[in-house]
Amino acid sequence: MQDYWTRWENWMQHHAPPLLNILNPGVNTDTITSLERLTGTALPADFKNFYAIHNGQQRKRTGLIDADQLLPVEEIIEVWHRWQDLLDAGTFMHNDEPFASEPDTGIRNNWWNPKWIPITSDGFDNHLCIDMDPAPEGRTGQVIAFWHDDGHREVIAPSFRKWVDNYVSGLEKGEYVFIKKWGIVRRDTSFNYND
């Protein structure tokens, strides 16, 4: 995963130098182990290797992933706890029936699943997650989009590695730009360039 970080940092050096200063140093093994114990799942080796280099980003308004923050593992744990607390409280139930989502093929129709590991945040409780409990047609470790107030669940990539590869390749192809207020965003973004 070092190659992806090298390419990503090279892109930032040329297009978004301020973002280099918000990268966290790598996470330690104990913190990753805590996340795995908490969620009851062994995380993909690519995820662990990626985070061993940079543990996400500092909490800022600007984001590394299409204006969203790349969460450090400590915040992944916080976000996971928030969703798990809501699940445990019965928030996603109505008349003793669980809320169902409208997932792409390969994703379970839960509203929230404890084996969805949030890796990004837009600050409004919407996340990209590593799905460690896919439906039979899906792949363990696929990356999915989770919306807090919308039932659609979308497969973004079949694996964490493929997600990183697609994103870094998109940066290099010019599909993304840096906007100081928001961070890295799609070139065709609806964000106001004048802000």
Protein backbone atom coordinates (compact mmCIF):
# COMPACT_ATOMS: atom_id res chain seq x y z
CA MET A 1 0.00 0.00 0.00
CA GLN A 2 3.04 2.25 0.24
CA ASP A 3 2.92 2.82 -3.52
CA TYR A 4 -0.61 4.27 -3.26
CA TRP A 5 0.40 6.65 -0.48
CA THR A 6 3.49 7.70 -2.45
CA ARG A 7 1.37 8.48 -5.51
CA TRP A 8 -1.30 10.25 -3.44
CA GLU A 9 1.24 12.36 -1.58
CA ASN A 10 2.93 13.20 -4.88
CA TRP A 11 -0.43 14.41 -6.23
CA MET A 12 -0.97 16.51 -3.10
CA GLN A 13 2.54 17.94 -3.36
CA HIS A 14 1.70 19.26 -6.85
CA HIS A 15 -1.99 20.14 -6.44
CA ALA A 16 -2.83 20.48 -2.73
CA PRO A 17 0.29 21.02 -0.57
CA PRO A 18 -1.67 22.11 2.56
CA LEU A 19 -3.23 18.65 2.79
CA LEU A 20 0.14 17.02 3.41
CA ASN A 21 0.13 18.72 6.81
CA ILE A 22 -3.12 17.07 7.94
CA LEU A 23 -1.98 13.47 7.40
CA ASN A 24 -1.59 11.55 10.64
CA PRO A 25 1.38 9.26 11.26
CA GLY A 26 0.71 5.53 11.00
CA VAL A 27 -1.53 3.77 13.50
CA ASN A 28 -0.07 1.32 15.99
CA THR A 29 -0.98 -2.36 15.97
CA ASP A 30 -2.73 -2.19 19.36
CA THR A 31 -5.25 0.37 18.07
CA ILE A 32 -6.07 -1.80 15.04
CA THR A 33 -6.43 -4.82 17.34
CA SER A 34 -8.87 -2.82 19.51
CA LEU A 35 -11.01 -2.08 16.45
CA GLU A 36 -11.00 -5.73 15.41
CA ARG A 37 -11.98 -6.86 18.92
CA LEU A 38 -14.73 -4.27 19.10
CA THR A 39 -16.27 -5.22 15.75
CA GLY A 40 -15.59 -8.94 16.08
CA THR A 41 -13.96 -9.15 12.68
CA ALA A 42 -10.47 -9.41 11.24
CA LEU A 43 -9.95 -6.39 9.00
CA PRO A 44 -8.40 -6.73 5.52
CA ALA A 45 -4.60 -6.78 5.44
CA ASP A 46 -4.64 -3.97 2.84
CA PHE A 47 -6.56 -1.74 5.25
CA LYS A 48 -4.09 -2.44 8.06
CA ASN A 49 -1.07 -1.86 5.81
CA PHE A 50 -2.59 1.38 4.46
CA TYR A 51 -3.29 2.72 7.95
CA ALA A 52 0.15 1.67 9.19
CA ILE A 53 1.51 4.42 6.91
CA HIS A 54 -1.03 7.16 7.65
CA ASN A 55 -3.78 6.83 10.25
CA GLY A 56 -6.24 8.91 8.26
CA GLN A 57 -6.29 12.65 8.60
CA GLN A 58 -6.60 15.27 11.32
CA ARG A 59 -10.13 16.48 11.99
CA LYS A 60 -10.54 19.44 9.64
CA ARG A 61 -13.29 20.84 7.45
CA THR A 62 -11.20 19.94 4.41
CA GLY A 63 -11.35 16.31 3.40
CA LEU A 64 -9.05 13.94 1.55
CA ILE A 65 -11.84 11.84 -0.02
CA ASP A 66 -14.16 13.92 -2.22
CA ALA A 67 -14.51 16.51 0.59
CA ASP A 68 -15.02 13.78 3.20
CA GLN A 69 -12.57 13.08 5.99
CA LEU A 70 -10.48 9.91 5.94
CA LEU A 71 -11.13 8.81 9.50
CA PRO A 72 -8.28 7.81 11.84
CA VAL A 73 -8.90 4.51 13.59
CA GLU A 74 -9.71 6.24 16.88
CA GLU A 75 -12.58 8.09 15.16
CA ILE A 76 -13.66 4.93 13.33
CA ILE A 77 -14.14 3.44 16.80
CA GLU A 78 -16.12 6.51 17.97
CA VAL A 79 -18.38 6.49 14.90
CA TRP A 80 -18.91 2.73 15.14
CA HIS A 81 -19.95 3.12 18.80
CA ARG A 82 -22.49 5.83 17.89
CA TRP A 83 -24.18 3.62 15.31
CA GLN A 84 -23.99 0.53 17.52
CA ASP A 85 -25.58 2.43 20.42
CA LEU A 86 -28.47 3.43 18.14
CA LEU A 87 -28.85 -0.16 16.97
CA ASP A 88 -28.80 -1.48 20.55
CA ALA A 89 -31.41 1.12 21.57
CA GLY A 90 -33.82 -0.18 18.93
CA THR A 91 -33.66 3.02 16.87
CA PHE A 92 -33.83 1.05 13.63
CA MET A 93 -37.01 -0.83 14.60
CA HIS A 94 -40.67 -0.04 14.01
CA ASN A 95 -43.48 -2.22 15.38
CA ASP A 96 -40.89 -4.86 16.30
CA GLU A 97 -39.69 -5.02 12.69
CA PRO A 98 -36.22 -3.83 11.68
CA PHE A 99 -35.91 -1.00 9.19
CA ALA A 100 -34.76 -2.37 5.85
CA SER A 101 -32.47 -0.57 3.46
CA GLU A 102 -32.53 -0.75 -0.35
CA PRO A 103 -29.11 -2.18 -1.07
CA ASP A 104 -27.25 -2.98 -4.24
CA THR A 105 -26.86 -6.69 -4.90
CA GLY A 106 -24.28 -8.08 -2.51
CA ILE A 107 -25.16 -5.86 0.50
CA ARG A 108 -27.41 -6.99 3.34
CA ASN A 109 -30.61 -4.97 3.73
CA ASN A 110 -29.83 -3.78 7.27
CA TRP A 111 -30.22 -0.12 8.09
CA TRP A 112 -26.96 -0.44 10.04
CA ASN A 113 -24.75 -3.51 10.40
CA PRO A 114 -22.12 -3.82 13.17
CA LYS A 115 -19.71 -5.29 10.64
CA TRP A 116 -19.79 -2.17 8.46
CA ILE A 117 -16.58 -0.34 9.35
CA PRO A 118 -16.85 3.42 8.60
CA ILE A 119 -13.68 4.79 7.01
CA THR A 120 -14.85 8.22 5.81
CA SER A 121 -17.23 10.86 7.13
CA ASP A 122 -18.87 13.90 5.58
CA GLY A 123 -19.68 15.31 9.04
CA PHE A 124 -23.40 14.49 8.62
CA ASP A 125 -23.29 10.78 9.53
CA ASN A 126 -22.81 9.53 5.99
CA HIS A 127 -19.90 7.18 5.43
CA LEU A 128 -18.02 4.88 3.16
CA CYS A 129 -17.69 1.58 5.02
CA ILE A 130 -15.76 -1.64 4.67
CA ASP A 131 -18.45 -4.33 4.58
CA MET A 132 -17.27 -7.36 6.53
CA ASP A 133 -20.71 -9.05 6.43
CA PRO A 134 -21.87 -8.97 2.81
CA ALA A 135 -24.93 -10.67 1.36
CA PRO A 136 -24.16 -13.98 -0.39
CA GLU A 137 -23.64 -12.25 -3.75
CA GLY A 138 -21.19 -9.73 -2.27
CA ARG A 139 -17.53 -9.86 -1.29
CA THR A 140 -16.18 -9.63 2.23
CA GLY A 141 -14.26 -6.36 2.48
CA GLN A 142 -16.16 -4.56 -0.28
CA VAL A 143 -16.50 -0.80 0.17
CA ILE A 144 -20.06 0.50 0.38
CA ALA A 145 -21.80 3.87 0.72
CA PHE A 146 -23.99 4.32 3.81
CA TRP A 147 -26.44 7.23 4.12
CA HIS A 148 -27.97 7.94 7.52
CA ASP A 149 -31.31 9.19 6.15
CA ASP A 150 -31.61 7.28 2.88
CA GLY A 151 -32.15 3.57 2.50
CA HIS A 152 -29.95 3.13 -0.55
CA ARG A 153 -26.71 1.20 0.06
CA GLU A 154 -24.27 1.18 -2.85
CA VAL A 155 -21.24 -0.96 -3.64
CA ILE A 156 -18.40 1.47 -4.40
CA ALA A 157 -15.59 -1.06 -4.91
CA PRO A 158 -15.15 -4.84 -4.49
CA SER A 159 -12.28 -4.40 -2.00
CA PHE A 160 -10.42 -1.79 0.02
CA ARG A 161 -7.40 -2.09 -2.30
CA LYS A 162 -9.56 -1.56 -5.40
CA TRP A 163 -11.22 1.45 -3.78
CA VAL A 164 -7.82 3.04 -3.04
CA ASP A 165 -6.59 2.17 -6.53
CA ASN A 166 -9.65 3.73 -8.18
CA TYR A 167 -9.35 6.89 -6.10
CA VAL A 168 -5.62 7.45 -6.58
CA SER A 169 -5.92 6.68 -10.30
CA GLY A 170 -8.78 9.19 -10.49
CA LEU A 171 -6.58 11.84 -8.90
CA GLU A 172 -3.82 11.18 -11.43
CA LYS A 173 -6.29 11.29 -14.36
CA GLY A 174 -7.44 14.78 -13.34
CA GLU A 175 -10.90 13.74 -12.12
CA TYR A 176 -10.38 15.65 -8.85
CA VAL A 177 -9.29 19.15 -7.89
CA PHE A 178 -8.32 20.87 -4.64
CA ILE A 179 -10.65 23.54 -3.25
CA LYS A 180 -9.25 25.18 -0.15
CA LYS A 181 -12.55 25.22 1.75
CA TRP A 182 -13.47 21.60 1.04
CA GLY A 183 -10.29 19.68 0.21
CA ILE A 184 -10.13 17.21 -2.66
CA VAL A 185 -13.38 17.15 -4.64
CA ARG A 186 -14.53 15.77 -7.98
CA ARG A 187 -13.81 18.14 -10.85
CA ASP A 188 -17.55 18.11 -11.68
CA THR A 189 -18.44 18.93 -8.07
CA SER A 190 -21.50 20.93 -7.09
CA PHE A 191 -19.44 22.70 -4.39
CA ASN A 192 -19.18 26.43 -4.96
CA TYR A 193 -15.72 27.17 -6.29
CA ASN A 194 -15.95 30.76 -5.03
CA ASP A 195 -16.25 29.80 -1.36
